[in-house]
């Protein structure tokens, strides 16, 4: 049973989230490991799912989204790219 008293499936979106059982030294690896050991089933994505995919995520208990998520193909990590991703995350969450 989860120490978080979490009932249901969680969604984790982070460019460093472990997709399998590989250990990740990034803090998200620790969070995912704890949630998994607490028995919380997780959907894991390294980029924002499409709107069509997200519309099928009914009944999620929670969504944990990396605020500094940048697309893997993005070569520009400047202020404009970061602000564009923050805006995309806000649209996704709404």
C-alpha atoms as a PDB file:
ATOM      1  CA  UNK A   1       0.000   0.000   0.000  1.00  0.00           C
ATOM      2  CA  UNK A   2       1.275   3.419  -0.890  1.00  0.00           C
ATOM      3  CA  UNK A   3       2.431   5.679   1.918  1.00  0.00           C
ATOM      4  CA  UNK A   4       0.873   8.472  -0.144  1.00  0.00           C
ATOM      5  CA  UNK A   5      -2.566   6.900   0.244  1.00  0.00           C
ATOM      6  CA  UNK A   6      -2.735   7.043  -3.545  1.00  0.00           C
ATOM      7  CA  UNK A   7      -5.598   5.150  -5.153  1.00  0.00           C
ATOM      8  CA  UNK A   8      -5.192   4.766  -8.890  1.00  0.00           C
ATOM      9  CA  UNK A   9      -2.710   5.205 -11.689  1.00  0.00           C
ATOM     10  CA  UNK A  10      -0.156   8.004 -11.767  1.00  0.00           C
ATOM     11  CA  UNK A  11       1.293   9.761 -14.799  1.00  0.00           C
ATOM     12  CA  UNK A  12       4.963  10.836 -14.803  1.00  0.00           C
ATOM     13  CA  UNK A  13       6.307  13.033 -17.607  1.00  0.00           C
ATOM     14  CA  UNK A  14      10.024  13.797 -17.355  1.00  0.00           C
ATOM     15  CA  UNK A  15      12.824  13.646 -19.910  1.00  0.00           C
ATOM     16  CA  UNK A  16      14.851  11.615 -17.378  1.00  0.00           C
ATOM     17  CA  UNK A  17      12.123   9.214 -16.190  1.00  0.00           C
ATOM     18  CA  UNK A  18      13.242   5.579 -16.233  1.00  0.00           C
ATOM     19  CA  UNK A  19      11.101   3.662 -18.719  1.00  0.00           C
ATOM     20  CA  UNK A  20      12.143   0.248 -17.466  1.00  0.00           C
ATOM     21  CA  UNK A  21      13.988  -0.981 -14.440  1.00  0.00           C
ATOM     22  CA  UNK A  22      17.249   0.792 -15.269  1.00  0.00           C
ATOM     23  CA  UNK A  23      18.566   2.862 -12.372  1.00  0.00           C
ATOM     24  CA  UNK A  24      18.545   6.623 -12.934  1.00  0.00           C
ATOM     25  CA  UNK A  25      20.571   8.941 -10.717  1.00  0.00           C
ATOM     26  CA  UNK A  26      18.276  11.888 -11.533  1.00  0.00           C
ATOM     27  CA  UNK A  27      15.863  12.718  -8.673  1.00  0.00           C
ATOM     28  CA  UNK A  28      12.918  11.508 -10.783  1.00  0.00           C
ATOM     29  CA  UNK A  29      14.436   8.022 -10.628  1.00  0.00           C
ATOM     30  CA  UNK A  30      14.207   8.120  -6.831  1.00  0.00           C
ATOM     31  CA  UNK A  31      10.612   9.348  -6.940  1.00  0.00           C
ATOM     32  CA  UNK A  32       9.555   6.693  -9.464  1.00  0.00           C
ATOM     33  CA  UNK A  33      11.347   3.984  -7.498  1.00  0.00           C
ATOM     34  CA  UNK A  34       9.538   4.971  -4.290  1.00  0.00           C
ATOM     35  CA  UNK A  35       6.142   5.136  -5.986  1.00  0.00           C
ATOM     36  CA  UNK A  36       6.705   1.767  -7.638  1.00  0.00           C
ATOM     37  CA  UNK A  37       7.847   0.136  -4.400  1.00  0.00           C
ATOM     38  CA  UNK A  38       4.698   1.530  -2.784  1.00  0.00           C
ATOM     39  CA  UNK A  39       2.656  -0.323  -5.412  1.00  0.00           C
ATOM     40  CA  UNK A  40       1.514   2.744  -7.369  1.00  0.00           C
ATOM     41  CA  UNK A  41       1.095   1.862 -11.064  1.00  0.00           C
ATOM     42  CA  UNK A  42       2.698   4.506 -13.292  1.00  0.00           C
ATOM     43  CA  UNK A  43       2.445   5.624 -16.886  1.00  0.00           C
ATOM     44  CA  UNK A  44       5.843   7.044 -17.855  1.00  0.00           C
ATOM     45  CA  UNK A  45       6.597   9.433 -20.700  1.00  0.00           C
ATOM     46  CA  UNK A  46       9.751  11.320 -21.640  1.00  0.00           C
ATOM     47  CA  UNK A  47       7.808  13.956 -23.570  1.00  0.00           C
ATOM     48  CA  UNK A  48       4.322  15.392 -23.472  1.00  0.00           C
ATOM     49  CA  UNK A  49       1.776  12.890 -24.816  1.00  0.00           C
ATOM     50  CA  UNK A  50      -0.344  14.091 -27.693  1.00  0.00           C
ATOM     51  CA  UNK A  51      -3.719  15.621 -26.903  1.00  0.00           C
ATOM     52  CA  UNK A  52      -5.342  12.518 -28.406  1.00  0.00           C
ATOM     53  CA  UNK A  53      -3.424  10.262 -26.021  1.00  0.00           C
ATOM     54  CA  UNK A  54      -4.101  12.434 -23.002  1.00  0.00           C
ATOM     55  CA  UNK A  55      -7.850  12.425 -23.655  1.00  0.00           C
ATOM     56  CA  UNK A  56      -7.734   8.679 -22.917  1.00  0.00           C
ATOM     57  CA  UNK A  57      -6.133   9.095 -19.484  1.00  0.00           C
ATOM     58  CA  UNK A  58      -9.396   9.071 -17.547  1.00  0.00           C
ATOM     59  CA  UNK A  59      -9.237   8.443 -13.836  1.00  0.00           C
ATOM     60  CA  UNK A  60      -5.603   9.347 -13.181  1.00  0.00           C
ATOM     61  CA  UNK A  61      -4.832   9.716  -9.498  1.00  0.00           C
ATOM     62  CA  UNK A  62      -2.105  12.300 -10.217  1.00  0.00           C
ATOM     63  CA  UNK A  63       0.197  13.693 -12.874  1.00  0.00           C
ATOM     64  CA  UNK A  64       3.805  14.606 -12.101  1.00  0.00           C
ATOM     65  CA  UNK A  65       5.221  16.823 -14.872  1.00  0.00           C
ATOM     66  CA  UNK A  66       8.786  18.094 -15.145  1.00  0.00           C
ATOM     67  CA  UNK A  67       8.490  21.879 -15.370  1.00  0.00           C
ATOM     68  CA  UNK A  68      11.807  22.124 -17.261  1.00  0.00           C
ATOM     69  CA  UNK A  69      10.909  19.453 -19.804  1.00  0.00           C
ATOM     70  CA  UNK A  70      12.543  20.068 -23.178  1.00  0.00           C
ATOM     71  CA  UNK A  71      11.992  17.964 -26.305  1.00  0.00           C
ATOM     72  CA  UNK A  72      14.911  15.655 -27.072  1.00  0.00           C
ATOM     73  CA  UNK A  73      15.293  17.054 -30.584  1.00  0.00           C
ATOM     74  CA  UNK A  74      15.429  20.635 -29.356  1.00  0.00           C
ATOM     75  CA  UNK A  75      18.856  22.053 -29.947  1.00  0.00           C
ATOM     76  CA  UNK A  76      17.948  25.439 -28.472  1.00  0.00           C
ATOM     77  CA  UNK A  77      17.766  25.454 -24.685  1.00  0.00           C
ATOM     78  CA  UNK A  78      17.665  29.242 -24.474  1.00  0.00           C
ATOM     79  CA  UNK A  79      15.018  31.321 -22.744  1.00  0.00           C
ATOM     80  CA  UNK A  80      12.641  31.251 -25.741  1.00  0.00           C
ATOM     81  CA  UNK A  81      12.685  27.433 -25.903  1.00  0.00           C
ATOM     82  CA  UNK A  82      12.156  27.144 -22.157  1.00  0.00           C
ATOM     83  CA  UNK A  83       9.236  29.599 -22.187  1.00  0.00           C
ATOM     84  CA  UNK A  84       7.663  27.794 -25.159  1.00  0.00           C
ATOM     85  CA  UNK A  85       7.860  24.467 -23.295  1.00  0.00           C
ATOM     86  CA  UNK A  86       6.372  25.977 -20.131  1.00  0.00           C
ATOM     87  CA  UNK A  87       3.470  27.300 -22.206  1.00  0.00           C
ATOM     88  CA  UNK A  88       3.006  23.857 -23.801  1.00  0.00           C
ATOM     89  CA  UNK A  89       2.978  22.209 -20.363  1.00  0.00           C
ATOM     90  CA  UNK A  90       0.364  24.689 -19.124  1.00  0.00           C
ATOM     91  CA  UNK A  91      -1.835  23.957 -22.157  1.00  0.00           C
ATOM     92  CA  UNK A  92      -1.378  20.229 -21.608  1.00  0.00           C
ATOM     93  CA  UNK A  93      -2.377  20.397 -17.935  1.00  0.00           C
ATOM     94  CA  UNK A  94      -5.459  22.507 -18.647  1.00  0.00           C
END
